[in-house]
Amino acid sequence: MSDNNSRRRFLAGAAGVAAAPVVAGLLGPAEAAQASSRPAGNGAPARTATTLTGRRRLGRLKVSSVGLGCQTMPGNLYGPVSSRADMVKIIRSAVDQGVTFFDTAEAYGPFESERIVGEALRGVRDDVVIATKFGWNIDPDTGQQLGGLNSRPAHIRRAVDGMLRRLRTDHIDLLYQHRVDPAVPIEHVAGAVQDLIKAGKVRHWGLSEPGPQTVRRAHAVHPLTAVQNEHNLLWRGSEQQILPICEELGIGFVCWAPLAYGFTTGTINPYTRFTAGDFRQYVPRNSPENLAANMPVVQLLGEWAVRKGATPAQVSLALAAGAEAVDRADPQRHPHLAPAGEHRHRGVRVHRRRVRRVHRRARCDPDPRRTAARAGARPLGRRGAPALTSHERTAGRGNLRGWLQGMGSLGEEPRWMR
């Protein structure tokens, strides 16, 4: 078996988990069980809900095979949300459908996403797994964004105390460092989190967008439970180094942005113009010329969706995971959670030959340098920046200039807080 095939098997197996919207029928028959039909309560026809029964392991942590990302719920990333009450309903609906894995961070809002999660999960706290994140330079008391990163041990301790209050809990199941802080050795960060684990405030820990050596150094101090990276049809950089390390060390892998910020759902086209407050308008991938260049992948996903009786989102999740869809996105509206029988197919499975086909159609490659060459994109930094990348990210090398610039403003500029 080739290395690439091994990576995909790892993603589709017990270690590959995600926080994603619960879409009925996303998973195969082993992963989902149809609940009995029940009246909608307003005279509408009875609808069939899907109960998620699949479970995966992130290290020793057992979670639902699909989780719920709560980043967009404060309404300051993809634009305004309908209401705070609706966000609470979305989380509670996910619980009703069998989701046990909920992902948030102090930077989302700041603080507001954690408050929403804490309110929504009252009464079921012992039945769910909550993941949150520290690492940006945010005042733990006021939420003021001070610019840049801050993973000093004293700051981590204060940040975690605030998280516990907002989440209305006495422990955090999975605590991530949101971004690697080049000013603080990862060994010091791991030591601080280890102390919090000994104190009972944290159960497990992980890293988001780390470099490969950072993973090894952190894991040597205290075993990592999970790494959370962007992974989708348009960005597959983790397949080069991070996934092999996770497989080697027994670390779980959590995907974020598996739908490429909505692009692979088929709802975005070259004429799409994002509203004020939607950070996607600043992402190079979403420029009109890049959207036009990458539309063939959406067209192909649409063709396959028709054949399989699914949606482009479901097929793209299945492709991203290699076999079964277990990925992460952030719904803002209740229909995105698909609580009803809107999708009744019995699972989406895609052969690896079709995965290669869709990447050829999209001019995409696991190696961003080759993708840039094919797309004719001008490299931005040492890793290159093809038309398909989500931002000029060099986090894999510990260089966070682009992210620091985004977080450094307290005004109208976008805050790229993933």
Protein backbone atom coordinates (compact mmCIF):
# COMPACT_ATOMS: atom_id res chain seq x y z
CA MET A 1 0.00 0.00 0.00
CA SER A 2 1.37 3.41 -0.98
CA ASP A 3 1.99 6.18 1.52
CA ASN A 4 -0.92 8.22 0.13
CA ASN A 5 -3.31 5.30 0.42
CA SER A 6 -2.12 4.73 3.97
CA ARG A 7 -2.82 8.39 4.81
CA ARG A 8 -6.36 8.09 3.51
CA ARG A 9 -7.00 4.88 5.39
CA PHE A 10 -5.80 6.64 8.56
CA LEU A 11 -8.17 9.57 7.94
CA ALA A 12 -11.11 7.25 7.44
CA GLY A 13 -10.23 5.10 10.43
CA ALA A 14 -10.58 5.47 14.17
CA ALA A 15 -8.04 8.29 14.45
CA GLY A 16 -9.60 10.58 11.86
CA VAL A 17 -12.38 12.63 13.43
CA ALA A 18 -13.84 16.03 12.81
CA ALA A 19 -16.17 18.66 14.04
CA ALA A 20 -18.71 19.05 11.24
CA PRO A 21 -22.36 19.85 10.72
CA VAL A 22 -24.49 16.78 11.22
CA VAL A 23 -25.80 15.96 7.78
CA ALA A 24 -28.23 13.07 7.61
CA GLY A 25 -26.86 10.21 5.57
CA LEU A 26 -23.29 11.48 5.55
CA LEU A 27 -22.04 8.25 6.98
CA GLY A 28 -22.42 4.64 5.95
CA PRO A 29 -24.96 2.28 7.49
CA ALA A 30 -22.53 1.36 10.26
CA GLU A 31 -22.30 5.01 11.28
CA ALA A 32 -25.92 6.16 11.18
CA ALA A 33 -29.24 4.71 12.27
CA GLN A 34 -32.54 6.11 11.06
CA ALA A 35 -34.83 7.22 13.88
CA SER A 36 -38.57 6.78 13.63
CA SER A 37 -40.58 9.45 11.81
CA ARG A 38 -42.30 11.98 13.99
CA PRO A 39 -44.64 14.94 13.31
CA ALA A 40 -42.96 18.27 12.70
CA GLY A 41 -45.41 19.93 15.10
CA ASN A 42 -46.71 22.57 12.68
CA GLY A 43 -48.82 20.49 10.34
CA ALA A 44 -45.88 19.75 8.07
CA PRO A 45 -45.26 16.20 6.88
CA ALA A 46 -43.47 13.89 9.28
CA ARG A 47 -39.70 14.06 8.97
CA THR A 48 -37.11 11.41 9.58
CA ALA A 49 -34.22 12.40 11.79
CA THR A 50 -30.84 10.72 11.69
CA THR A 51 -29.19 9.53 14.86
CA LEU A 52 -25.42 9.36 14.75
CA THR A 53 -24.21 6.14 16.38
CA GLY A 54 -20.61 5.94 15.15
CA ARG A 55 -17.83 6.59 17.63
CA ARG A 56 -14.13 7.22 17.10
CA ARG A 57 -11.13 7.50 19.38
CA LEU A 58 -8.76 10.42 19.67
CA GLY A 59 -6.07 8.74 21.69
CA ARG A 60 -7.98 7.57 24.78
CA LEU A 61 -10.80 10.06 24.20
CA LYS A 62 -13.97 8.58 22.69
CA VAL A 63 -16.06 10.97 20.59
CA SER A 64 -18.81 10.87 17.98
CA SER A 65 -17.49 10.28 14.49
CA VAL A 66 -18.90 13.67 13.47
CA GLY A 67 -18.64 16.70 15.70
CA LEU A 68 -20.02 20.23 15.68
CA GLY A 69 -17.81 23.26 15.14
CA CYS A 70 -19.09 26.36 16.92
CA GLN A 71 -16.73 29.00 15.52
CA THR A 72 -19.22 30.93 13.43
CA MET A 73 -21.93 31.09 16.09
CA PRO A 74 -20.97 34.53 17.49
CA GLY A 75 -21.71 35.95 14.03
CA ASN A 76 -18.42 37.75 13.38
CA LEU A 77 -16.78 35.36 10.91
CA TYR A 78 -19.20 34.55 8.07
CA GLY A 79 -21.42 37.50 8.88
CA PRO A 80 -24.38 37.88 11.26
CA VAL A 81 -26.33 34.89 12.54
CA SER A 82 -30.08 34.73 13.00
CA SER A 83 -29.99 34.86 16.80
CA ARG A 84 -28.11 33.58 19.80
CA ALA A 85 -31.11 31.46 20.75
CA ASP A 86 -30.96 29.73 17.37
CA MET A 87 -27.31 28.86 17.93
CA VAL A 88 -28.23 27.23 21.24
CA LYS A 89 -30.96 25.27 19.43
CA ILE A 90 -28.48 24.06 16.82
CA ILE A 91 -26.20 22.65 19.51
CA ARG A 92 -29.07 20.99 21.33
CA SER A 93 -30.36 19.50 18.09
CA ALA A 94 -26.92 18.06 17.46
CA VAL A 95 -26.99 16.42 20.88
CA ASP A 96 -30.42 14.94 20.08
CA GLN A 97 -28.95 13.49 16.89
CA GLY A 98 -26.13 11.71 18.67
CA VAL A 99 -23.28 14.23 18.42
CA THR A 100 -21.02 14.17 21.46
CA PHE A 101 -18.07 16.27 20.21
CA PHE A 102 -18.26 20.09 20.33
CA ASP A 103 -15.44 22.40 19.27
CA THR A 104 -15.03 26.03 20.34
CA ALA A 105 -12.26 28.49 21.42
CA GLU A 106 -11.76 31.58 23.53
CA ALA A 107 -10.92 33.50 20.33
CA TYR A 108 -14.36 32.89 18.83
CA GLY A 109 -16.20 36.02 19.73
CA PRO A 110 -13.96 36.42 21.72
CA PHE A 111 -15.55 34.34 24.49
CA GLU A 112 -19.09 34.30 23.06
CA SER A 113 -18.86 30.90 21.37
CA GLU A 114 -17.79 29.33 24.67
CA ARG A 115 -20.72 31.00 26.44
CA ILE A 116 -23.16 29.65 23.85
CA VAL A 117 -21.71 26.15 24.13
CA GLY A 118 -21.81 26.29 27.91
CA GLU A 119 -25.46 27.35 27.93
CA ALA A 120 -26.53 24.81 25.32
CA LEU A 121 -24.87 21.83 26.98
CA ARG A 122 -26.26 22.38 30.47
CA GLY A 123 -27.85 19.20 31.66
CA VAL A 124 -25.90 16.94 29.30
CA ARG A 125 -22.36 17.94 30.26
CA ASP A 126 -21.38 14.45 31.39
CA ASP A 127 -22.56 12.97 28.08
CA VAL A 128 -20.51 15.17 25.74
CA VAL A 129 -16.90 16.09 24.94
CA ILE A 130 -15.97 19.78 24.79
CA ALA A 131 -12.85 20.97 23.00
CA THR A 132 -11.62 24.55 23.28
CA LYS A 133 -8.42 26.46 22.54
CA PHE A 134 -5.99 29.03 23.95
CA GLY A 135 -3.05 30.79 22.35
CA TRP A 136 -4.02 34.23 21.06
CA ASN A 137 -3.08 37.29 23.08
CA ILE A 138 -6.51 38.01 24.53
CA ASP A 139 -7.10 39.65 27.89
CA PRO A 140 -8.60 36.84 30.01
CA ASP A 141 -10.80 39.29 31.90
CA THR A 142 -12.09 41.69 29.25
CA GLY A 143 -11.68 39.76 26.00
CA GLN A 144 -9.72 42.62 24.48
CA GLN A 145 -7.53 41.43 21.63
CA LEU A 146 -4.01 42.63 22.32
CA GLY A 147 -2.49 41.39 19.06
CA GLY A 148 -0.30 38.41 18.33
CA LEU A 149 0.06 35.20 20.29
CA ASN A 150 0.46 34.41 23.96
CA SER A 151 1.19 30.91 25.26
CA ARG A 152 3.10 31.89 28.38
CA PRO A 153 2.25 29.41 31.17
CA ALA A 154 0.79 32.09 33.46
CA HIS A 155 -1.46 33.28 30.64
CA ILE A 156 -2.58 29.73 29.86
CA ARG A 157 -3.64 29.20 33.47
CA ARG A 158 -5.70 32.41 33.52
CA ALA A 159 -7.22 31.61 30.14
CA VAL A 160 -8.32 28.14 31.26
CA ASP A 161 -9.97 29.50 34.40
CA GLY A 162 -12.03 31.82 32.21
CA MET A 163 -12.94 28.98 29.86
CA LEU A 164 -14.25 26.89 32.74
CA ARG A 165 -16.52 29.73 33.86
CA ARG A 166 -17.90 30.38 30.38
CA LEU A 167 -18.40 26.70 29.60
CA ARG A 168 -20.08 26.15 33.00
CA THR A 169 -17.95 23.12 33.75
CA ASP A 170 -15.21 21.99 36.09
CA HIS A 171 -13.04 20.44 33.40
CA ILE A 172 -12.15 20.76 29.72
CA ASP A 173 -12.11 17.46 27.84
CA LEU A 174 -9.71 18.54 25.09
CA LEU A 175 -7.59 21.69 25.26
CA TYR A 176 -5.73 22.81 22.12
CA GLN A 177 -3.00 25.35 21.66
CA HIS A 178 -4.71 27.35 18.89
CA ARG A 179 -1.48 28.39 17.18
CA VAL A 180 2.14 27.69 18.02
CA ASP A 181 3.74 30.67 19.78
CA PRO A 182 7.33 31.03 18.49
CA ALA A 183 8.22 33.08 21.60
CA VAL A 184 7.44 30.24 24.03
CA PRO A 185 9.14 26.82 23.75
CA ILE A 186 6.56 24.13 23.17
CA GLU A 187 8.03 22.21 26.11
CA HIS A 188 6.96 25.04 28.42
CA VAL A 189 3.46 24.99 26.94
CA ALA A 190 3.23 21.22 27.34
CA GLY A 191 4.42 21.51 30.93
CA ALA A 192 1.79 24.12 31.75
CA VAL A 193 -0.98 21.99 30.27
CA GLN A 194 0.37 18.95 32.09
CA ASP A 195 0.00 20.84 35.37
CA LEU A 196 -3.61 21.66 34.47
CA ILE A 197 -4.23 17.99 33.74
CA LYS A 198 -2.81 17.02 37.13
CA ALA A 199 -5.07 19.63 38.74
CA GLY A 200 -8.12 18.06 37.08
CA LYS A 201 -9.00 21.15 35.03
CA VAL A 202 -8.06 19.54 31.69
CA ARG A 203 -8.40 15.92 30.59
CA HIS A 204 -6.56 15.82 27.24
CA TRP A 205 -4.60 18.23 25.06
CA GLY A 206 -3.73 18.88 21.43
CA LEU A 207 -2.28 21.31 18.90
CA SER A 208 -3.78 23.18 15.96
CA GLU A 209 -1.71 23.78 12.79
CA PRO A 210 1.64 22.75 14.30
CA GLY A 211 4.83 21.88 12.48
CA PRO A 212 6.02 18.27 12.50
CA GLN A 213 8.89 18.79 14.93
CA THR A 214 6.61 20.73 17.27
CA VAL A 215 4.31 17.71 17.38
CA ARG A 216 7.18 15.42 18.36
CA ARG A 217 8.56 17.78 21.00
CA ALA A 218 5.16 18.41 22.57
CA HIS A 219 4.25 14.72 22.55
CA ALA A 220 7.52 13.86 24.31
CA VAL A 221 6.55 16.03 27.32
CA HIS A 222 2.93 14.92 27.56
CA PRO A 223 1.16 12.68 25.01
CA LEU A 224 -1.00 14.58 22.54
CA THR A 225 -4.56 13.41 22.02
CA ALA A 226 -5.27 15.24 18.76
CA VAL A 227 -3.95 17.55 16.08
CA GLN A 228 -6.49 19.83 14.39
CA ASN A 229 -5.58 21.05 10.90
CA GLU A 230 -7.37 22.31 7.85
CA HIS A 231 -8.05 19.40 5.51
CA ASN A 232 -10.31 19.46 2.46
CA LEU A 233 -10.28 18.96 -1.31
CA LEU A 234 -8.48 22.25 -1.84
CA TRP A 235 -5.93 22.01 0.96
CA ARG A 236 -4.25 18.70 1.70
CA GLY A 237 -0.94 19.87 3.14
CA SER A 238 -1.32 17.66 6.23
CA GLU A 239 -0.87 14.56 4.10
CA GLN A 240 2.80 15.37 3.60
CA GLN A 241 4.09 15.26 7.18
CA ILE A 242 1.45 15.70 9.87
CA LEU A 243 -0.73 12.68 9.09
CA PRO A 244 2.22 10.28 8.99
CA ILE A 245 3.40 11.58 12.38
CA CYS A 246 -0.08 11.25 13.87
CA GLU A 247 -0.31 7.70 12.59
CA GLU A 248 3.14 6.87 13.96
CA LEU A 249 2.51 8.33 17.43
CA GLY A 250 -1.12 7.30 17.82
CA ILE A 251 -2.43 10.89 17.77
CA GLY A 252 -5.96 11.58 16.52
CA PHE A 253 -6.52 13.95 13.59
CA VAL A 254 -9.39 16.45 13.57
CA CYS A 255 -10.18 18.21 10.27
CA TRP A 256 -11.43 21.75 10.13
CA ALA A 257 -12.88 23.53 7.06
CA PRO A 258 -13.59 20.21 5.27
CA LEU A 259 -15.97 22.07 2.94
CA ALA A 260 -13.33 24.69 2.06
CA TYR A 261 -15.30 27.53 3.71
CA GLY A 262 -18.42 26.48 1.82
CA PHE A 263 -16.86 26.33 -1.65
CA THR A 264 -17.38 22.60 -2.17
CA THR A 265 -21.05 22.78 -1.14
CA GLY A 266 -21.89 24.28 -4.53
CA THR A 267 -23.29 27.47 -3.01
CA ILE A 268 -20.38 29.69 -4.12
CA ASN A 269 -19.62 30.66 -7.73
CA PRO A 270 -17.43 33.24 -9.55
CA TYR A 271 -20.18 35.85 -9.14
CA THR A 272 -20.40 35.43 -5.39
CA ARG A 273 -19.63 38.55 -3.43
CA PHE A 274 -19.30 38.13 0.31
CA THR A 275 -21.08 40.52 2.65
CA ALA A 276 -19.41 42.96 4.99
CA GLY A 277 -18.14 41.11 8.03
CA ASP A 278 -17.52 37.85 6.13
CA PHE A 279 -13.81 37.11 6.37
CA ARG A 280 -13.92 34.94 3.22
CA GLN A 281 -13.80 38.08 1.08
CA TYR A 282 -10.16 38.50 2.16
CA VAL A 283 -9.07 34.92 1.40
CA PRO A 284 -7.03 34.70 -1.85
CA ARG A 285 -8.79 31.45 -2.78
CA ASN A 286 -12.06 33.40 -3.07
CA SER A 287 -10.95 36.05 -5.54
CA PRO A 288 -13.17 36.04 -8.66
CA GLU A 289 -10.42 34.65 -10.88
CA ASN A 290 -9.59 31.85 -8.46
CA LEU A 291 -13.23 30.95 -7.95
CA ALA A 292 -13.66 30.70 -11.72
CA ALA A 293 -10.52 28.59 -12.08
CA ASN A 294 -11.67 26.13 -9.42
CA MET A 295 -15.31 25.74 -10.48
CA PRO A 296 -14.63 22.45 -12.32
CA VAL A 297 -14.24 20.69 -8.98
CA VAL A 298 -17.70 21.90 -7.88
CA GLN A 299 -19.19 20.79 -11.18
CA LEU A 300 -17.69 17.34 -10.77
CA LEU A 301 -18.95 17.10 -7.20
CA GLY A 302 -22.42 18.03 -8.44
CA GLU A 303 -22.32 15.29 -11.06
CA TRP A 304 -21.35 12.67 -8.49
CA ALA A 305 -23.93 13.94 -6.02
CA VAL A 306 -26.71 13.35 -8.57
CA ARG A 307 -25.46 9.82 -9.21
CA LYS A 308 -25.35 8.98 -5.51
CA GLY A 309 -28.54 10.74 -4.45
CA ALA A 310 -26.49 12.96 -2.16
CA THR A 311 -25.43 16.60 -1.96
CA PRO A 312 -22.12 18.12 -3.13
CA ALA A 313 -21.28 18.73 0.55
CA GLN A 314 -21.72 15.06 1.39
CA VAL A 315 -19.61 13.92 -1.54
CA SER A 316 -16.86 16.43 -0.77
CA LEU A 317 -16.72 15.25 2.84
CA ALA A 318 -16.46 11.67 1.67
CA LEU A 319 -13.67 12.62 -0.73
CA ALA A 320 -11.78 14.59 1.90
CA ALA A 321 -11.86 11.65 4.28
CA GLY A 322 -11.03 9.13 1.57
CA ALA A 323 -13.88 6.72 2.32
CA GLU A 324 -16.38 7.85 4.94
CA ALA A 325 -17.25 11.44 5.73
CA VAL A 326 -15.90 12.48 9.13
CA ASP A 327 -14.97 16.14 8.79
CA ARG A 328 -15.60 19.56 10.35
CA ALA A 329 -17.48 22.73 9.40
CA ASP A 330 -19.50 25.35 11.28
CA PRO A 331 -23.25 25.73 10.60
CA GLN A 332 -24.91 29.10 11.18
CA ARG A 333 -28.48 28.10 10.40
CA HIS A 334 -30.58 25.22 11.62
CA PRO A 335 -31.23 23.78 8.11
CA HIS A 336 -27.47 23.36 7.70
CA LEU A 337 -27.65 20.80 10.49
CA ALA A 338 -30.03 18.77 8.31
CA PRO A 339 -32.18 17.48 11.15
CA ALA A 340 -34.83 16.10 8.81
CA GLY A 341 -34.91 13.47 6.10
CA GLU A 342 -33.50 15.78 3.46
CA HIS A 343 -30.80 13.31 2.41
CA ARG A 344 -31.85 9.68 2.49
CA HIS A 345 -28.99 7.88 0.80
CA ARG A 346 -27.27 5.19 2.82
CA GLY A 347 -23.73 6.53 2.81
CA VAL A 348 -21.24 8.04 0.38
CA ARG A 349 -18.16 6.06 -0.52
CA VAL A 350 -15.68 7.20 -3.13
CA HIS A 351 -12.86 5.13 -4.61
CA ARG A 352 -9.39 6.64 -4.39
CA ARG A 353 -9.18 6.81 -8.23
CA ARG A 354 -12.04 9.30 -8.13
CA VAL A 355 -10.20 11.28 -5.45
CA ARG A 356 -7.26 11.66 -7.84
CA ARG A 357 -9.66 12.61 -10.62
CA VAL A 358 -11.24 15.44 -8.66
CA HIS A 359 -7.81 16.82 -7.76
CA ARG A 360 -6.76 16.77 -11.41
CA ARG A 361 -9.96 18.60 -12.31
CA ALA A 362 -9.26 21.16 -9.59
CA ARG A 363 -5.57 21.47 -10.45
CA CYS A 364 -4.97 20.41 -6.87
CA ASP A 365 -2.13 18.39 -5.44
CA PRO A 366 -1.14 17.32 -1.91
CA ASP A 367 2.09 19.25 -2.45
CA PRO A 368 1.26 22.99 -2.53
CA ARG A 369 4.36 23.76 -4.59
CA ARG A 370 3.20 21.50 -7.43
CA THR A 371 -0.30 22.96 -7.22
CA ALA A 372 1.11 26.48 -7.50
CA ALA A 373 3.10 25.52 -10.56
CA ARG A 374 0.04 24.00 -12.25
CA ALA A 375 -2.19 26.93 -11.38
CA GLY A 376 0.38 29.49 -12.46
CA ALA A 377 0.12 31.10 -9.05
CA ARG A 378 2.80 33.40 -7.75
CA PRO A 379 4.41 31.81 -4.67
CA LEU A 380 3.84 33.64 -1.40
CA GLY A 381 6.51 32.50 1.01
CA ARG A 382 8.56 29.35 1.20
CA ARG A 383 5.62 26.96 1.11
CA GLY A 384 4.05 28.66 -1.88
CA ALA A 385 0.45 29.81 -2.19
CA PRO A 386 -1.54 28.24 -5.02
CA ALA A 387 -4.90 29.61 -6.00
CA LEU A 388 -6.44 26.88 -3.88
CA THR A 389 -4.90 27.72 -0.53
CA SER A 390 -7.07 29.32 2.12
CA HIS A 391 -4.58 31.95 3.15
CA GLU A 392 -0.87 32.71 3.01
CA ARG A 393 -0.28 30.32 5.85
CA THR A 394 3.20 29.22 6.89
CA ALA A 395 2.23 27.85 10.29
CA GLY A 396 3.89 24.54 9.45
CA ARG A 397 7.21 26.33 9.67
CA GLY A 398 6.36 28.25 12.84
CA ASN A 399 6.12 31.50 10.86
CA LEU A 400 2.78 33.22 11.66
CA ARG A 401 3.19 36.63 10.09
CA GLY A 402 -0.09 36.46 8.18
CA TRP A 403 -2.02 35.38 11.26
CA LEU A 404 -0.39 37.98 13.46
CA GLN A 405 -1.33 40.71 11.01
CA GLY A 406 -4.93 39.52 11.06
CA MET A 407 -5.12 39.34 14.85
CA GLY A 408 -3.20 42.55 15.43
CA SER A 409 -6.11 44.84 14.62
CA LEU A 410 -8.96 45.72 16.94
CA GLY A 411 -10.84 47.51 14.15
CA GLU A 412 -12.62 46.46 10.97
CA GLU A 413 -9.88 44.26 9.50
CA PRO A 414 -10.63 40.52 9.43
CA ARG A 415 -9.49 38.40 12.32
CA TRP A 416 -8.41 35.03 10.96
CA MET A 417 -8.84 33.15 14.16
CA ARG A 418 -8.79 29.54 12.95
